[in-house]
Protein backbone atom coordinates (compact mmCIF):
# COMPACT_ATOMS: atom_id res chain seq x y z
CA MET A 1 132.22 192.28 77.56
CA ALA A 2 128.96 190.29 77.93
CA SER A 3 126.96 190.47 80.95
CA GLN A 4 126.94 187.55 83.26
CA PRO A 5 123.70 185.55 82.78
CA ILE A 6 121.30 185.64 86.29
CA CYS A 7 119.80 182.67 87.52
CA LYS A 8 115.93 183.56 87.75
CA GLY A 9 115.69 180.95 90.45
CA CYS A 10 118.39 182.00 92.93
CA GLY A 11 119.00 185.53 91.49
CA GLN A 12 122.80 184.71 91.44
CA PRO A 13 125.16 184.96 88.30
CA ILE A 14 125.39 181.80 86.43
CA TRP A 15 129.46 180.81 85.87
CA GLY A 16 128.87 177.28 84.52
CA GLU A 17 126.28 175.57 82.56
CA TYR A 18 122.68 176.97 82.51
CA MET A 19 119.38 176.53 80.78
CA THR A 20 116.81 179.00 79.00
CA ALA A 21 113.19 178.39 79.64
CA LEU A 22 109.91 180.74 79.98
CA GLY A 23 112.13 183.46 78.51
CA ALA A 24 114.86 183.59 81.32
CA THR A 25 117.94 181.58 82.30
CA TRP A 26 118.18 179.22 85.06
CA HIS A 27 120.97 177.22 87.09
CA PRO A 28 119.68 173.54 85.98
CA GLU A 29 119.17 172.60 89.72
CA HIS A 30 117.15 175.49 90.24
CA PHE A 31 114.45 175.14 87.04
CA VAL A 32 112.03 172.89 89.61
CA CYS A 33 108.56 171.84 89.38
CA ALA A 34 106.10 174.06 91.29
CA ALA A 35 104.48 170.87 92.44
CA CYS A 36 107.06 168.51 93.61
CA LYS A 37 109.89 170.83 93.87
CA GLN A 38 112.31 168.55 91.99
CA PRO A 39 114.61 169.84 89.13
CA ILE A 40 112.77 169.64 85.42
CA THR A 41 115.37 167.72 83.54
CA ASP A 42 113.03 166.79 80.47
CA ALA A 43 112.79 168.68 77.29
CA SER A 44 108.74 168.79 77.79
CA PHE A 45 107.07 170.34 80.64
CA ASN A 46 103.69 172.04 81.24
CA THR A 47 103.10 175.58 82.55
CA HIS A 48 100.38 177.00 84.63
CA ASN A 49 100.03 180.37 85.82
CA GLY A 50 103.49 181.00 84.37
CA LEU A 51 104.97 178.33 86.57
CA PRO A 52 106.74 175.08 85.08
CA TYR A 53 105.54 171.53 86.38
CA HIS A 54 106.42 167.95 85.19
CA THR A 55 104.17 166.69 82.78
CA GLN A 56 102.88 164.09 85.59
CA CYS A 57 102.85 166.75 88.25
CA TYR A 58 100.70 168.85 86.25
CA LEU A 59 98.04 165.98 85.28
CA ASN A 60 98.10 164.58 88.88
CA GLN A 61 97.77 168.12 90.56
CA VAL A 62 96.65 171.00 88.11
CA ALA A 63 95.23 169.74 84.95
CA PRO A 64 91.36 170.25 84.96
CA ARG A 65 89.33 167.27 85.41
CA CYS A 66 86.55 165.57 83.15
CA ALA A 67 83.36 166.18 85.18
CA TYR A 68 82.15 162.47 84.01
CA CYS A 69 85.27 160.27 84.70
CA GLY A 70 87.59 162.66 86.68
CA LYS A 71 90.71 162.01 84.81
CA PRO A 72 92.88 164.90 83.62
CA LEU A 73 91.75 167.01 80.42
CA THR A 74 94.65 167.29 78.09
CA GLY A 75 94.04 168.89 74.64
CA GLN A 76 91.08 169.79 73.29
CA TYR A 77 87.65 169.04 75.25
CA TYR A 78 84.04 169.98 75.41
CA GLU A 79 82.18 172.27 77.93
CA HIS A 80 78.69 171.93 78.87
CA GLU A 81 76.48 173.75 81.37
CA GLY A 82 79.68 175.06 83.02
CA LYS A 83 81.58 171.86 83.17
CA ARG A 84 84.11 170.13 81.08
CA TYR A 85 84.34 166.81 79.66
CA HIS A 86 86.81 164.32 77.35
CA ALA A 87 85.41 164.48 74.13
CA GLU A 88 84.54 160.88 74.06
CA CYS A 89 82.85 161.22 77.35
CA TYR A 90 80.73 164.00 76.33
CA ARG A 91 79.74 162.27 73.19
CA GLU A 92 79.00 158.87 74.89
CA HIS A 93 77.40 160.08 77.99
CA ILE A 94 76.94 164.02 78.37
CA VAL A 95 75.59 165.10 74.82
CA PRO A 96 71.78 165.21 74.23
CA ARG A 97 70.79 162.47 72.09
CA CYS A 98 68.22 162.42 69.34
CA ALA A 99 64.82 161.19 70.58
CA TYR A 100 64.18 159.62 67.34
CA CYS A 101 67.36 157.79 66.59
CA HIS A 102 69.20 157.95 70.05
CA GLN A 103 72.41 158.92 68.50
CA PRO A 104 74.33 161.84 69.94
CA ILE A 105 73.57 165.65 68.76
CA MET A 106 77.01 167.35 68.06
CA SER A 107 75.30 170.15 66.17
CA GLN A 108 72.01 172.07 65.39
CA TYR A 109 68.99 170.58 66.46
CA TYR A 110 65.26 171.02 66.88
CA GLU A 111 63.52 170.90 70.15
CA HIS A 112 59.84 169.67 69.99
CA GLU A 113 57.52 169.19 72.93
CA GLY A 114 60.51 169.21 75.29
CA LYS A 115 62.75 166.53 73.10
CA ARG A 116 65.60 167.14 70.82
CA TYR A 117 66.32 165.78 67.45
CA HIS A 118 68.90 165.84 64.53
CA SER A 119 67.50 168.43 62.11
CA GLU A 120 67.24 165.38 59.59
CA CYS A 121 65.33 163.05 62.08
CA TYR A 122 62.83 165.84 62.88
CA ARG A 123 62.20 166.71 59.26
CA ASP A 124 61.74 163.30 58.25
CA HIS A 125 59.84 161.70 61.05
CA VAL A 126 58.52 164.17 63.60
CA ALA A 127 57.95 167.65 62.12
CA PRO A 128 54.03 168.08 61.22
CA ARG A 129 53.04 167.69 57.77
CA CYS A 130 51.16 170.53 55.76
CA ALA A 131 47.65 169.11 55.05
CA TYR A 132 47.46 170.42 51.78
CA CYS A 133 50.70 169.78 50.12
CA GLY A 134 52.46 167.20 52.36
CA LYS A 135 55.77 169.11 53.02
CA PRO A 136 57.35 168.86 56.49
CA LEU A 137 56.38 172.38 58.33
CA MET A 138 60.17 173.09 59.62
CA GLY A 139 59.54 176.88 60.11
CA GLN A 140 56.55 179.26 60.68
CA TYR A 141 53.33 177.52 59.88
CA LEU A 142 49.46 178.17 60.45
CA VAL A 143 47.13 176.09 62.36
CA ASP A 144 43.51 176.74 61.79
CA TYR A 145 40.62 176.37 64.24
CA TRP A 146 40.26 172.60 63.67
CA GLY A 147 43.91 171.83 64.47
CA THR A 148 45.14 171.45 60.49
CA HIS A 149 48.88 172.39 60.07
CA TYR A 150 49.44 174.01 56.69
CA CYS A 151 52.34 176.07 55.08
CA LYS A 152 51.95 179.89 55.34
CA GLU A 153 52.03 180.65 51.52
CA HIS A 154 48.58 178.59 51.20
CA GLU A 155 46.56 181.09 52.86
CA GLY A 156 46.78 183.21 50.32
CA GLN A 157 46.48 180.55 47.52
CA TYR A 158 43.29 178.85 48.37
CA PRO A 159 39.87 180.08 49.43
CA HIS A 160 38.17 179.60 52.51
CA CYS A 161 35.25 177.52 53.11
CA ALA A 162 32.13 179.80 53.82
CA TYR A 163 30.93 177.95 56.41
CA CYS A 164 33.80 176.46 58.68
CA GLY A 165 36.71 178.58 57.71
CA ARG A 166 39.04 175.67 56.45
CA LEU A 167 41.05 176.05 53.14
CA VAL A 168 39.60 174.54 49.96
CA PRO A 169 42.56 173.67 47.76
CA PRO A 170 41.57 173.09 43.84
CA SER A 171 41.45 169.34 44.24
CA GLN A 172 38.67 169.57 46.93
CA GLN A 173 36.49 172.37 45.25
CA GLU A 174 33.18 171.41 43.91
CA PRO A 175 33.03 170.97 40.13
CA GLY A 176 31.14 173.53 38.38
CA ILE A 177 31.25 176.12 41.01
CA ARG A 178 30.71 179.37 39.71
CA ARG A 179 32.37 182.83 40.33
CA GLY A 180 31.01 184.27 43.56
CA ASP A 181 29.31 181.30 44.76
CA ALA A 182 29.97 180.17 48.32
CA VAL A 183 33.09 177.91 48.66
CA ARG A 184 32.31 174.58 50.56
CA CYS A 185 35.03 172.19 51.75
CA PRO A 186 34.36 168.37 51.42
CA ILE A 187 33.29 167.99 55.39
CA CYS A 188 30.54 170.91 55.02
CA ARG A 189 29.29 169.39 52.04
CA SER A 190 29.01 165.77 53.58
CA SER A 191 26.42 167.19 55.75
CA ALA A 192 24.75 169.74 53.64
CA ILE A 193 20.86 170.23 53.83
CA GLU A 194 19.90 170.21 50.27
CA THR A 195 16.24 169.53 49.71
CA THR A 196 13.18 171.07 51.67
CA ASP A 197 12.08 167.28 52.30
CA GLN A 198 15.53 166.39 53.79
CA ALA A 199 15.29 169.63 56.27
CA GLN A 200 11.92 168.80 57.30
CA PRO A 201 12.15 166.26 60.25
CA ILE A 202 15.19 168.37 61.38
CA PHE A 203 12.99 171.39 61.44
CA GLN A 204 10.17 169.44 63.63
CA ARG A 205 13.19 168.86 66.25
CA LEU A 206 14.02 172.18 66.35
CA MET A 207 10.55 173.43 66.54
CA GLN A 208 10.08 171.16 69.69
CA TRP A 209 13.35 172.36 71.24
CA THR A 210 12.33 176.11 71.10
CA ILE A 211 9.01 175.38 72.79
CA ARG A 212 11.02 173.78 75.55
CA GLN A 213 12.95 177.00 75.88
CA GLY A 214 9.52 178.64 76.57
CA LEU A 215 8.60 180.07 73.43
CA GLN A 216 4.97 178.97 72.43
CA TYR A 217 3.48 179.35 68.99
CA ASN A 218 0.03 179.03 69.86
CA ASN A 219 -0.48 175.90 67.74
CA TYR A 220 0.68 178.13 64.60
CA GLN A 221 2.08 176.17 61.83
CA ILE A 222 5.38 177.68 60.51
CA LYS A 223 6.33 176.64 57.01
CA LEU A 224 10.26 175.99 56.18
CA THR A 225 11.66 176.28 52.83
CA LEU A 226 15.17 176.21 51.20
CA VAL A 227 15.76 178.57 48.76
CA ASP A 228 19.02 179.56 46.74
CA ARG A 229 20.80 182.75 47.14
CA ALA A 230 18.92 184.61 44.51
CA THR A 231 15.78 183.84 46.30
CA LEU A 232 17.04 184.61 49.57
CA THR A 233 18.32 187.97 48.45
CA ALA A 234 14.86 189.07 47.07
CA LEU A 235 13.10 187.88 50.15
CA LEU A 236 15.59 189.64 52.38
CA LYS A 237 15.19 193.14 50.36
CA ASP A 238 16.70 195.74 52.44
CA ARG A 239 16.35 194.01 55.97
CA SER A 240 19.77 192.67 56.34
CA THR A 241 23.11 191.97 54.63
CA LYS A 242 24.12 190.08 51.67
CA ASP A 243 25.56 187.36 53.72
CA SER A 244 22.39 186.43 55.61
CA LEU A 245 21.29 182.77 55.76
CA GLY A 246 17.68 182.77 56.45
CA VAL A 247 14.78 185.34 56.61
CA THR A 248 11.43 184.97 58.16
CA SER A 249 8.49 186.49 56.33
CA HIS A 250 5.34 187.83 57.84
CA SER A 251 2.51 189.66 57.19
CA ALA A 252 0.48 192.26 59.24
CA HIS A 253 -3.24 192.82 59.03
CA THR A 254 -4.66 196.19 60.09
CA ILE A 255 -7.92 197.93 60.87
CA ASN A 256 -7.92 201.45 60.72
CA GLY A 257 -4.28 201.55 60.50
CA ARG A 258 -3.79 199.47 63.75
CA ILE A 259 -2.14 195.74 63.35
CA VAL A 260 -4.71 193.57 64.64
CA ARG A 261 -3.08 189.97 63.51
CA ILE A 262 0.71 189.17 62.39
CA GLU A 263 0.75 185.92 60.23
CA VAL A 264 4.13 184.33 59.74
CA ASP A 265 4.23 183.54 55.93
CA GLY A 266 7.35 181.31 56.44
CA ILE A 267 10.98 180.54 57.16
CA SER A 268 13.29 180.46 54.08
CA VAL A 269 16.79 179.21 54.65
CA LEU A 270 19.76 178.92 52.32
CA ARG A 271 19.69 175.75 50.49
CA GLY A 272 23.29 173.81 50.76
CA LEU A 273 24.47 174.77 54.25
CA PRO A 274 26.11 172.32 56.62
CA SER A 275 23.89 170.69 59.17
CA ILE A 276 24.71 172.57 62.16
CA LEU A 277 25.02 175.55 60.52
CA PHE A 278 21.50 174.92 59.00
CA GLN A 279 20.14 174.26 62.57
CA GLY A 280 21.43 177.26 64.21
CA VAL A 281 20.22 179.50 61.30
CA THR A 282 16.85 177.74 61.66
CA ILE A 283 16.58 178.58 65.35
CA HIS A 284 17.60 182.02 64.87
CA GLU A 285 14.58 182.46 62.49
CA LEU A 286 12.35 180.66 64.90
CA GLY A 287 13.25 183.53 67.34
CA HIS A 288 11.88 185.82 64.93
CA ALA A 289 8.73 183.81 64.15
CA TRP A 290 8.04 183.73 67.75
CA LEU A 291 8.44 187.39 68.26
CA ALA A 292 5.97 187.84 65.23
CA VAL A 293 3.39 185.31 66.36
CA GLN A 294 3.50 186.96 70.03
CA GLY A 295 2.85 190.61 68.23
CA ILE A 296 6.32 191.81 69.60
CA GLN A 297 7.08 194.54 67.00
CA GLY A 298 9.22 197.57 67.16
CA LEU A 299 11.85 196.13 69.11
CA PRO A 300 15.33 197.94 68.31
CA PRO A 301 17.18 195.88 65.79
CA TRP A 302 19.94 194.91 68.38
CA ALA A 303 17.13 193.82 70.58
CA GLU A 304 15.42 191.56 68.11
CA GLU A 305 18.66 190.17 66.33
CA GLY A 306 20.40 189.95 69.77
CA PHE A 307 17.51 187.93 71.09
CA CYS A 308 17.47 185.44 68.19
CA GLU A 309 21.13 185.10 68.19
CA LEU A 310 21.06 184.18 71.96
CA LEU A 311 18.70 181.57 71.05
CA ALA A 312 21.04 180.19 68.54
CA TYR A 313 23.89 180.66 70.86
CA ARG A 314 21.93 178.40 73.61
CA PHE A 315 21.46 175.76 71.09
CA TYR A 316 24.93 175.33 70.10
CA LYS A 317 25.97 175.44 73.40
CA GLU A 318 23.49 172.82 74.49
CA LEU A 319 24.78 170.61 71.56
CA ASN A 320 28.64 171.01 72.41
CA SER A 321 29.88 169.43 69.41
CA PRO A 322 33.33 170.80 67.72
CA GLU A 323 31.18 172.13 65.16
CA SER A 324 28.48 173.86 67.33
CA ARG A 325 31.38 175.18 69.53
CA TYR A 326 32.70 176.88 66.50
CA HIS A 327 29.76 178.60 65.41
CA ALA A 328 29.10 179.58 69.22
CA GLU A 329 32.36 181.35 69.24
CA GLY A 330 31.48 182.95 66.06
CA ILE A 331 28.37 184.21 67.56
CA GLU A 332 30.54 185.63 70.52
CA ARG A 333 33.33 187.04 68.44
CA ASN A 334 31.00 188.89 66.00
CA LYS A 335 31.78 192.66 65.69
CA ASP A 336 28.53 193.70 64.00
CA GLN A 337 26.96 196.33 65.97
CA THR A 338 23.35 194.72 65.47
CA TYR A 339 24.04 190.98 65.41
CA GLY A 340 27.42 190.87 67.70
CA GLU A 341 26.52 193.56 70.10
CA GLY A 342 22.83 192.77 69.99
CA PHE A 343 23.92 189.37 71.22
CA ARG A 344 26.37 190.61 74.05
CA ARG A 345 23.63 193.04 75.17
CA VAL A 346 20.87 190.61 75.18
CA ARG A 347 22.86 188.05 76.86
CA ALA A 348 23.94 190.35 79.73
CA ILE A 349 20.18 190.64 80.27
CA SER A 350 19.66 186.94 80.09
CA ASP A 351 22.40 186.09 82.42
CA ALA A 352 20.93 188.86 85.30
CA LYS A 353 17.37 187.91 85.16
CA GLY A 354 17.65 184.37 83.75
CA PHE A 355 16.57 183.22 80.25
CA GLN A 356 12.80 182.29 81.29
CA ARG A 357 12.15 185.46 82.96
CA LEU A 358 13.32 187.33 79.67
CA VAL A 359 11.20 185.36 77.32
CA GLU A 360 8.17 185.93 79.68
CA THR A 361 9.03 189.89 80.01
CA LEU A 362 9.05 190.26 75.98
CA ARG A 363 5.84 188.15 75.91
CA THR A 364 3.77 190.07 78.16
CA THR A 365 5.21 193.78 77.98
CA LYS A 366 6.40 193.41 74.27
CA ARG A 367 9.51 195.12 75.12
CA MET A 368 13.20 194.13 75.78
CA PRO A 369 13.67 194.54 79.53
CA ALA A 370 16.42 196.71 80.89
CA LEU A 371 19.77 195.39 82.47
């Protein structure tokens, strides 16, 4: 004989009609809503924490509320920053919107300068373009000193300008350039000093600038010449590196083996340098010329080159243009033990004693003062 069903609501045997719900049997009058305590007679009802509710009671008292409109959430909903929303409320009022098209962003997006964009809107209208191929830069890309944005792969495809570091794609390279020649970008070519006649008025201004720094040449007439790389290399001999851009030539006159007079034969600067770099190189060489005119011989290489680099650095800093700042920073970052470290050592002496005192000490003692 089958056992008598037991009502989960009252715990008593059921002898008449009964109903089955939530895995148990009930007297019909004991299957009641947990909110209003009235019997549930509808075929459909809601449950929460294992308890039954009239559909309306569930919506009124138990169902989670949309954080935007406050109405009950039924079915699927969106959760954002710990709050829940109807799909329509979320889409129309909460979801981030594309800063370009202002439509809701419902999937992946790009964030740029604090604003969000659809991937397509960012790619087509916001993303920076490669300066060389024009493609939108969607992933990692490179930015040079001048703020030029370009694809990473171009770094290994194109040469860098020898004077400003910009990439030079084939379309911007000089026609007829030979293997081993310095590559120049169009910007550096546009201001290049190509002839001695072109350089002369600039040279006279640079002479006046060095004189204002306290460097006197005793009315000595210094000659400037522009030369090609082969001629410059021959003039340099073993005195500097193959990358040098200028050289000062001088002759020593002796009596009985003692130097009695030094004559500066002239300054030679590589032809075709961009104007700002030409000026800095010329200032550097005018430093060498001043040391020679003043009979300051036998300085350690770091002291002589460091002093001339400091002179060029001061000139670049005074100009304070984007190009001059680039070359000044190049002097600061130079790791060469003679030029770079020499500049930093001489600059420290100048900062401690003052530039004018440094010049005067060199002139009178023929020695680099100690720090």
